[in-house]
Amino acid sequence: MTDVVIIGGGIVGLATALQIKQQRPGLSVVLIEKEPAVARHQTGHNSGVIHSGLYYKPGSLKATNCIRGYQMLLDFCQAEGVPYELCGKIVVATKPDELPQLDILFERGQLNGLTNIRKISAGEMRDIEPHVAGIAGIAVPYTGIIDYTQVCEKLAQKFQQLGGELRLNERVEQVTPGTSLSIVVTNRSRYETKLVVNCAGLYSDKIAQLTQRDPVDVRIVPFRGEYFKLKPHKEHLVKHLIYPVPDPNFPFLGVHFTRMVHGGVEAGPNAVLAFRREGYTKSDVNLKELYETLSWPGFQKVAAKYWQTGLGEMYRSFSKAAFTKALQALIPAIQEDDLEEGGAGVRAQACDRTGGLLDDFAILETDKAINVVNAPSPAATSSLSIGQTVSEKVLSRF
């Protein structure tokens, strides 16, 4: 019998596992991951940005956990020798109609405690990024770059040193909630546990449904973000991180330029519907999962509302010229030949039945389970804070 079974070996699951063992060493904790290593999906495919908390509504779970998690992450990396760099970023308005949203971002940043951000003119922007185009911006010195897979490897190591069990290559097939214990069945083992903690990311809604009889009223809709890389001879065009002013009605930040902690510059991502939950290429298709997405009433409402935006993102997915044009809004000197194929990530975006794309982190609780059902960006930055929040919920049960 195990006290706690955690499902999902991404950064949120690992941070939760470590926090539980640090706070209550006597509890038995097993973390189950279906892949042969940790951080194989959302965590290992993101752009490696340490987010400052600029974008998020003050008081929201994203804002509070990002601000708290930011410092917790830096403290952890310093203590454990995980390399990172606080290189800073600028958010760039390229058109007059973006200025009101830029002002809102600046105000949000200040309300979230980012006292060192500052508004900058076009000239000041070019002092920071000589090749950028824009009419106004915000300088954000807090933003950094990191390798989150390295963070996860260190979290896993410390969790196991404290007596936690990490079970790789195990896929959860069934969860049966009982009166006092739940039964978790994988392709390899069977676990009796007092509490299930679901940090399954792209499959968090599926696992949540296994933990309860009532329907889970959100569905994970997978959005693929595709990147290009700047060829080495053009990396000098980007000194820090360069972001556009995001569309306030769409939960993505727009194509941007990101220096990588191991070298190189990524350009992107776009945001297109993935045809399977772990669909990292255009040819990755799972007809059952695609049907589940397309038939979800909430997604149908999203598609009706954002069809023009979605078509534009899809066009950029298939047209390198269109992708280049979007990047040129920030750096006009970028040419199509300057870009080479990069990687891709898939964002687990929760969508409710009414067509709401959940903007905040979401945790659903039952007597026998705690389900983290929405933890997209900035979950990696916020992971230790989310882990603390979830671990507190766990420990209140014991």
Protein backbone atom coordinates (compact mmCIF):
# COMPACT_ATOMS: atom_id res chain seq x y z
CA MET A 1 0.00 0.00 0.00
CA THR A 2 1.24 3.48 -0.95
CA ASP A 3 0.20 6.77 0.62
CA VAL A 4 0.36 8.84 -2.58
CA VAL A 5 0.57 7.87 -6.25
CA ILE A 6 1.47 10.75 -8.60
CA ILE A 7 0.77 10.29 -12.29
CA GLY A 8 3.00 12.25 -14.68
CA GLY A 9 6.76 12.82 -14.74
CA GLY A 10 6.77 16.35 -16.09
CA ILE A 11 8.00 19.29 -14.07
CA VAL A 12 4.73 19.80 -12.14
CA GLY A 13 4.51 16.15 -11.09
CA LEU A 14 8.15 16.03 -10.07
CA ALA A 15 7.96 19.31 -8.15
CA THR A 16 4.88 18.05 -6.32
CA ALA A 17 6.56 14.75 -5.49
CA LEU A 18 9.66 16.43 -4.12
CA GLN A 19 7.69 18.93 -2.03
CA ILE A 20 5.66 16.12 -0.43
CA LYS A 21 8.78 14.15 0.51
CA GLN A 22 10.55 17.25 1.82
CA GLN A 23 7.62 18.26 4.00
CA ARG A 24 6.57 14.77 5.14
CA PRO A 25 9.47 12.32 4.67
CA GLY A 26 7.50 9.47 6.27
CA LEU A 27 4.85 9.35 3.54
CA SER A 28 5.37 6.74 0.84
CA VAL A 29 5.17 8.38 -2.61
CA VAL A 30 5.32 6.68 -6.00
CA LEU A 31 5.55 8.72 -9.20
CA ILE A 32 4.46 6.92 -12.40
CA GLU A 33 5.63 8.07 -15.85
CA LYS A 34 4.75 6.28 -19.09
CA GLU A 35 7.92 7.36 -20.91
CA PRO A 36 11.46 5.96 -20.40
CA ALA A 37 12.62 9.30 -18.94
CA VAL A 38 11.16 12.36 -17.25
CA ALA A 39 10.19 15.62 -19.02
CA ARG A 40 9.42 13.99 -22.37
CA HIS A 41 6.42 16.10 -23.37
CA GLN A 42 5.35 19.66 -22.46
CA THR A 43 8.31 20.23 -20.13
CA GLY A 44 10.95 18.97 -22.53
CA HIS A 45 9.53 20.62 -25.64
CA ASN A 46 9.04 24.20 -24.47
CA SER A 47 11.30 27.12 -25.31
CA GLY A 48 13.05 27.20 -21.93
CA VAL A 49 11.91 30.65 -20.81
CA ILE A 50 11.81 31.71 -17.15
CA HIS A 51 8.70 33.89 -17.16
CA SER A 52 8.50 37.01 -15.02
CA GLY A 53 4.73 37.15 -14.39
CA LEU A 54 4.10 40.14 -16.66
CA TYR A 55 1.08 38.81 -18.54
CA TYR A 56 -1.15 37.36 -15.86
CA LYS A 57 -4.18 38.87 -14.20
CA PRO A 58 -3.19 40.09 -10.71
CA GLY A 59 -4.47 37.72 -8.05
CA SER A 60 -4.91 34.81 -10.47
CA LEU A 61 -3.28 31.44 -9.80
CA LYS A 62 -1.00 32.07 -12.77
CA ALA A 63 0.15 35.40 -11.38
CA THR A 64 0.64 34.32 -7.77
CA ASN A 65 2.29 31.00 -8.63
CA CYS A 66 4.51 32.50 -11.33
CA ILE A 67 5.82 35.24 -9.03
CA ARG A 68 6.40 32.83 -6.12
CA GLY A 69 7.61 30.02 -8.39
CA TYR A 70 10.07 32.31 -10.18
CA GLN A 71 12.07 32.92 -7.03
CA MET A 72 11.72 29.31 -5.88
CA LEU A 73 13.08 28.15 -9.25
CA LEU A 74 16.07 30.50 -9.11
CA ASP A 75 16.84 29.45 -5.53
CA PHE A 76 16.61 25.77 -6.50
CA CYS A 77 18.88 26.20 -9.52
CA GLN A 78 21.47 28.11 -7.51
CA ALA A 79 21.47 25.48 -4.77
CA GLU A 80 21.64 22.55 -7.21
CA GLY A 81 23.97 24.02 -9.83
CA VAL A 82 21.46 24.09 -12.69
CA PRO A 83 22.60 26.77 -15.19
CA TYR A 84 20.31 29.63 -16.17
CA GLU A 85 20.64 33.21 -17.40
CA LEU A 86 18.50 36.25 -16.62
CA CYS A 87 19.00 37.85 -20.02
CA GLY A 88 15.83 39.98 -20.01
CA LYS A 89 13.32 40.60 -22.76
CA ILE A 90 11.44 43.37 -24.48
CA VAL A 91 7.76 43.36 -25.43
CA VAL A 92 7.31 45.32 -28.65
CA ALA A 93 4.30 47.22 -29.98
CA THR A 94 4.57 47.48 -33.76
CA LYS A 95 1.25 49.28 -34.41
CA PRO A 96 -0.63 52.12 -32.69
CA ASP A 97 -3.62 49.89 -31.90
CA GLU A 98 -1.34 47.72 -29.73
CA LEU A 99 -0.42 50.61 -27.40
CA PRO A 100 -3.46 50.26 -25.08
CA GLN A 101 -2.69 46.57 -24.53
CA LEU A 102 0.96 47.45 -23.91
CA ASP A 103 -0.19 49.86 -21.19
CA ILE A 104 -2.34 47.11 -19.65
CA LEU A 105 0.65 44.76 -19.59
CA PHE A 106 2.80 47.39 -17.91
CA GLU A 107 0.15 47.99 -15.26
CA ARG A 108 -0.26 44.25 -14.69
CA GLY A 109 3.47 43.85 -14.29
CA GLN A 110 3.61 46.56 -11.65
CA LEU A 111 0.61 45.10 -9.79
CA ASN A 112 2.37 41.73 -9.86
CA GLY A 113 5.41 43.26 -8.15
CA LEU A 114 7.72 43.72 -11.16
CA THR A 115 9.03 47.06 -9.98
CA ASN A 116 12.02 47.13 -12.35
CA ILE A 117 10.13 46.92 -15.64
CA ARG A 118 10.06 50.13 -17.64
CA LYS A 119 8.37 51.60 -20.69
CA ILE A 120 10.81 52.28 -23.50
CA SER A 121 10.66 54.36 -26.65
CA ALA A 122 11.52 53.14 -30.14
CA GLY A 123 15.02 54.56 -29.74
CA GLU A 124 15.53 52.92 -26.36
CA MET A 125 14.37 49.60 -27.80
CA ARG A 126 17.02 49.81 -30.48
CA ASP A 127 19.66 50.50 -27.86
CA ILE A 128 18.73 47.08 -26.41
CA GLU A 129 17.92 45.28 -29.67
CA PRO A 130 19.48 47.20 -32.61
CA HIS A 131 17.53 45.30 -35.29
CA VAL A 132 14.06 45.43 -33.77
CA ALA A 133 11.15 47.37 -35.30
CA GLY A 134 8.46 48.95 -33.15
CA ILE A 135 7.00 52.17 -31.85
CA ALA A 136 7.11 51.49 -28.09
CA GLY A 137 7.89 48.68 -25.72
CA ILE A 138 8.45 47.34 -22.22
CA ALA A 139 11.84 46.22 -20.94
CA VAL A 140 11.53 43.22 -18.59
CA PRO A 141 14.89 42.44 -16.90
CA TYR A 142 13.49 39.51 -14.89
CA THR A 143 12.97 37.13 -17.83
CA GLY A 144 15.50 34.33 -18.21
CA ILE A 145 16.40 31.16 -20.10
CA ILE A 146 16.98 27.64 -18.79
CA ASP A 147 16.88 23.95 -19.72
CA TYR A 148 13.81 22.57 -17.92
CA THR A 149 14.79 18.98 -18.65
CA GLN A 150 17.89 19.52 -16.50
CA VAL A 151 15.67 20.94 -13.75
CA CYS A 152 13.48 17.82 -13.93
CA GLU A 153 16.45 15.47 -13.76
CA LYS A 154 17.60 17.21 -10.60
CA LEU A 155 14.07 17.13 -9.10
CA ALA A 156 13.85 13.39 -9.84
CA GLN A 157 17.26 12.77 -8.29
CA LYS A 158 16.40 14.61 -5.07
CA PHE A 159 12.97 12.96 -4.86
CA GLN A 160 14.57 9.50 -5.03
CA GLN A 161 17.29 10.45 -2.55
CA LEU A 162 14.51 11.21 -0.06
CA GLY A 163 13.03 7.75 -0.57
CA GLY A 164 10.52 8.48 -3.31
CA GLU A 165 9.93 5.83 -5.97
CA LEU A 166 10.10 6.78 -9.66
CA ARG A 167 8.50 4.20 -11.96
CA LEU A 168 9.32 4.81 -15.64
CA ASN A 169 7.83 3.01 -18.67
CA GLU A 170 4.52 2.54 -16.83
CA ARG A 171 1.29 3.67 -18.46
CA VAL A 172 -1.79 4.08 -16.27
CA GLU A 173 -4.64 2.01 -17.66
CA GLN A 174 -7.22 2.13 -14.88
CA VAL A 175 -7.98 3.97 -11.65
CA THR A 176 -10.69 2.55 -9.39
CA PRO A 177 -11.66 4.78 -6.45
CA GLY A 178 -12.68 2.75 -3.39
CA THR A 179 -14.05 3.51 0.06
CA SER A 180 -10.67 3.87 1.73
CA LEU A 181 -8.17 3.13 -1.05
CA SER A 182 -7.92 3.62 -4.80
CA ILE A 183 -6.49 1.00 -7.14
CA VAL A 184 -4.14 2.28 -9.87
CA VAL A 185 -3.43 -0.29 -12.56
CA THR A 186 -0.61 0.21 -15.07
CA ASN A 187 0.69 -1.93 -17.90
CA ARG A 188 3.22 -3.34 -15.40
CA SER A 189 1.92 -3.05 -11.85
CA ARG A 190 -1.01 -2.56 -9.51
CA TYR A 191 -0.94 0.01 -6.70
CA GLU A 192 -3.21 0.47 -3.71
CA THR A 193 -3.06 4.10 -2.62
CA LYS A 194 -4.78 6.48 -0.24
CA LEU A 195 -4.56 9.39 -2.70
CA VAL A 196 -4.03 9.85 -6.44
CA VAL A 197 -2.40 13.07 -7.69
CA ASN A 198 -2.90 13.63 -11.40
CA CYS A 199 -0.21 15.72 -13.13
CA ALA A 200 -0.61 13.99 -16.50
CA GLY A 201 -0.49 17.12 -18.67
CA LEU A 202 -1.79 16.27 -22.13
CA TYR A 203 -3.82 13.39 -20.67
CA SER A 204 -4.84 15.07 -17.41
CA ASP A 205 -8.53 15.15 -18.36
CA LYS A 206 -8.47 11.43 -19.21
CA ILE A 207 -6.86 10.54 -15.88
CA ALA A 208 -9.24 12.88 -14.03
CA GLN A 209 -12.18 11.04 -15.56
CA LEU A 210 -10.79 7.73 -14.31
CA THR A 211 -10.70 9.09 -10.75
CA GLN A 212 -14.39 10.00 -10.55
CA ARG A 213 -17.80 8.86 -11.69
CA ASP A 214 -19.18 12.30 -12.57
CA PRO A 215 -18.21 13.64 -16.01
CA VAL A 216 -15.16 15.92 -16.08
CA ASP A 217 -16.44 19.03 -17.79
CA VAL A 218 -13.19 20.11 -19.42
CA ARG A 219 -11.31 18.59 -22.33
CA ILE A 220 -7.63 18.97 -23.14
CA VAL A 221 -7.29 20.45 -26.63
CA PRO A 222 -3.73 20.00 -27.93
CA PHE A 223 -2.18 22.97 -29.73
CA ARG A 224 1.13 22.44 -31.48
CA GLY A 225 3.66 25.26 -31.45
CA GLU A 226 6.23 25.00 -34.25
CA TYR A 227 9.61 26.74 -34.18
CA PHE A 228 12.24 27.72 -36.67
CA LYS A 229 15.85 28.38 -35.68
CA LEU A 230 17.97 31.25 -36.90
CA LYS A 231 20.96 30.07 -38.87
CA PRO A 232 24.19 30.75 -36.97
CA HIS A 233 25.26 33.69 -39.15
CA LYS A 234 22.01 35.52 -38.26
CA GLU A 235 21.93 34.88 -34.52
CA HIS A 236 23.51 38.30 -33.96
CA LEU A 237 20.15 39.87 -34.88
CA VAL A 238 18.77 38.85 -31.46
CA LYS A 239 20.56 39.89 -28.27
CA HIS A 240 17.93 38.98 -25.66
CA LEU A 241 14.28 37.83 -25.96
CA ILE A 242 11.86 39.72 -28.19
CA TYR A 243 8.09 39.31 -27.83
CA PRO A 244 5.12 40.96 -29.57
CA VAL A 245 2.15 42.42 -27.73
CA PRO A 246 -0.14 39.38 -27.34
CA ASP A 247 -3.75 39.18 -28.49
CA PRO A 248 -5.69 39.55 -25.20
CA ASN A 249 -8.44 37.24 -26.47
CA PHE A 250 -6.18 34.34 -27.43
CA PRO A 251 -4.17 32.37 -24.81
CA PHE A 252 -0.90 32.40 -26.76
CA LEU A 253 1.91 34.96 -26.82
CA GLY A 254 2.48 35.19 -30.58
CA VAL A 255 5.63 34.38 -32.54
CA HIS A 256 8.73 35.67 -30.80
CA PHE A 257 12.51 35.31 -30.66
CA THR A 258 14.12 33.33 -27.84
CA ARG A 259 17.81 32.95 -27.12
CA MET A 260 18.49 29.42 -25.86
CA VAL A 261 20.55 28.67 -22.77
CA HIS A 262 22.73 26.18 -24.70
CA GLY A 263 23.17 28.56 -27.64
CA GLY A 264 21.14 29.39 -30.72
CA VAL A 265 17.97 31.41 -31.28
CA GLU A 266 14.45 30.02 -31.72
CA ALA A 267 11.79 31.88 -33.71
CA GLY A 268 8.16 31.03 -33.03
CA PRO A 269 5.95 29.35 -32.07
CA ASN A 270 2.74 29.47 -34.02
CA ALA A 271 -0.31 27.75 -32.49
CA VAL A 272 -2.15 25.14 -34.57
CA LEU A 273 -4.49 22.33 -33.59
CA ALA A 274 -2.51 19.11 -33.16
CA PHE A 275 -4.15 16.04 -34.66
CA ARG A 276 -3.11 13.92 -31.67
CA ARG A 277 -2.29 14.82 -28.09
CA GLU A 278 1.39 14.13 -28.58
CA GLY A 279 1.43 15.27 -32.19
CA TYR A 280 4.75 17.02 -32.67
CA THR A 281 4.67 16.96 -36.49
CA LYS A 282 2.02 17.63 -39.12
CA SER A 283 1.90 13.93 -39.95
CA ASP A 284 1.21 12.83 -36.36
CA VAL A 285 -2.47 11.83 -36.44
CA ASN A 286 -4.60 9.82 -34.03
CA LEU A 287 -8.10 9.61 -35.50
CA LYS A 288 -9.74 8.73 -32.18
CA GLU A 289 -8.13 11.65 -30.35
CA LEU A 290 -8.83 14.02 -33.25
CA TYR A 291 -12.49 13.02 -33.26
CA GLU A 292 -12.67 13.58 -29.50
CA THR A 293 -11.34 17.10 -29.99
CA LEU A 294 -13.52 18.00 -32.97
CA SER A 295 -16.68 16.63 -31.36
CA TRP A 296 -16.19 18.47 -28.06
CA PRO A 297 -18.86 21.23 -27.90
CA GLY A 298 -16.38 23.61 -26.30
CA PHE A 299 -13.88 23.22 -29.13
CA GLN A 300 -16.62 23.77 -31.71
CA LYS A 301 -17.43 27.09 -30.04
CA VAL A 302 -13.72 28.02 -29.96
CA ALA A 303 -13.38 27.18 -33.65
CA ALA A 304 -16.42 29.30 -34.52
CA LYS A 305 -15.04 32.25 -32.55
CA TYR A 306 -11.38 32.08 -33.64
CA TRP A 307 -11.62 30.56 -37.10
CA GLN A 308 -9.86 33.50 -38.75
CA THR A 309 -6.98 33.42 -36.25
CA GLY A 310 -6.80 29.64 -36.59
CA LEU A 311 -6.62 29.80 -40.38
CA GLY A 312 -3.79 32.32 -40.14
CA GLU A 313 -1.87 30.07 -37.75
CA MET A 314 -2.45 27.05 -40.00
CA TYR A 315 -1.29 29.02 -43.06
CA ARG A 316 1.93 29.94 -41.25
CA SER A 317 2.36 26.27 -40.39
CA PHE A 318 2.49 25.32 -44.07
CA SER A 319 4.05 28.53 -45.47
CA LYS A 320 7.57 29.43 -44.43
CA ALA A 321 7.11 32.74 -46.25
CA ALA A 322 4.07 33.59 -44.11
CA PHE A 323 5.93 32.59 -40.94
CA THR A 324 8.84 34.80 -42.00
CA LYS A 325 6.48 37.72 -42.59
CA ALA A 326 5.16 37.43 -39.03
CA LEU A 327 8.72 37.48 -37.70
CA GLN A 328 9.60 40.48 -39.88
CA ALA A 329 7.05 42.56 -37.95
CA LEU A 330 9.58 42.40 -35.09
CA ILE A 331 12.87 42.15 -37.01
CA PRO A 332 12.54 43.32 -40.64
CA ALA A 333 16.03 42.07 -41.54
CA ILE A 334 14.95 38.42 -41.13
CA GLN A 335 14.71 36.63 -44.47
CA GLU A 336 13.20 33.26 -45.32
CA ASP A 337 16.64 31.80 -46.03
CA ASP A 338 17.76 32.78 -42.51
CA LEU A 339 15.46 30.17 -40.96
CA GLU A 340 15.98 26.45 -40.59
CA GLU A 341 13.64 23.81 -39.22
CA GLY A 342 13.35 23.83 -35.44
CA GLY A 343 11.44 21.74 -32.96
CA ALA A 344 7.84 21.75 -31.79
CA GLY A 345 5.91 21.48 -28.56
CA VAL A 346 2.29 20.66 -27.77
CA ARG A 347 0.38 22.76 -25.26
CA ALA A 348 -2.25 21.01 -23.14
CA GLN A 349 -4.96 23.67 -23.22
CA ALA A 350 -8.07 22.91 -21.18
CA CYS A 351 -11.34 23.92 -22.82
CA ASP A 352 -14.68 23.84 -21.03
CA ARG A 353 -18.00 22.82 -22.53
CA THR A 354 -19.06 26.43 -23.17
CA GLY A 355 -16.02 27.21 -25.32
CA GLY A 356 -13.92 28.83 -22.64
CA LEU A 357 -10.17 28.31 -23.04
CA LEU A 358 -9.16 28.16 -19.39
CA ASP A 359 -6.80 31.06 -18.78
CA ASP A 360 -5.79 30.08 -15.26
CA PHE A 361 -4.33 27.00 -13.64
CA ALA A 362 -7.10 24.62 -12.57
CA ILE A 363 -7.11 21.92 -9.87
CA LEU A 364 -10.12 19.61 -9.36
CA GLU A 365 -10.41 17.65 -6.12
CA THR A 366 -12.38 14.57 -5.07
CA ASP A 367 -12.18 12.48 -1.89
CA LYS A 368 -9.54 10.23 -3.40
CA ALA A 369 -7.83 12.40 -6.02
CA ILE A 370 -6.28 15.79 -6.74
CA ASN A 371 -6.32 16.54 -10.47
CA VAL A 372 -4.20 19.31 -12.02
CA VAL A 373 -6.27 19.71 -15.19
CA ASN A 374 -4.88 22.95 -16.60
CA ALA A 375 -1.22 23.86 -16.21
CA PRO A 376 0.10 25.35 -19.46
CA SER A 377 2.68 28.15 -19.62
CA PRO A 378 3.97 29.50 -17.24
CA ALA A 379 3.68 26.17 -15.42
CA ALA A 380 7.39 25.37 -15.82
CA THR A 381 8.41 28.65 -14.18
CA SER A 382 5.68 28.18 -11.59
CA SER A 383 6.29 24.47 -11.02
CA LEU A 384 7.79 24.58 -7.53
CA SER A 385 5.02 26.91 -6.40
CA ILE A 386 2.31 24.73 -7.96
CA GLY A 387 4.02 21.74 -6.38
CA GLN A 388 3.87 23.45 -3.00
CA THR A 389 0.18 24.27 -3.48
CA VAL A 390 -0.66 20.69 -4.47
CA SER A 391 1.54 19.20 -1.73
CA GLU A 392 -0.29 21.30 0.86
CA LYS A 393 -3.58 19.89 -0.43
CA VAL A 394 -2.09 16.40 -0.22
CA LEU A 395 -0.72 16.82 3.31
CA SER A 396 -4.05 18.18 4.56
CA ARG A 397 -5.47 14.70 3.82
CA PHE A 398 -2.98 12.92 6.12
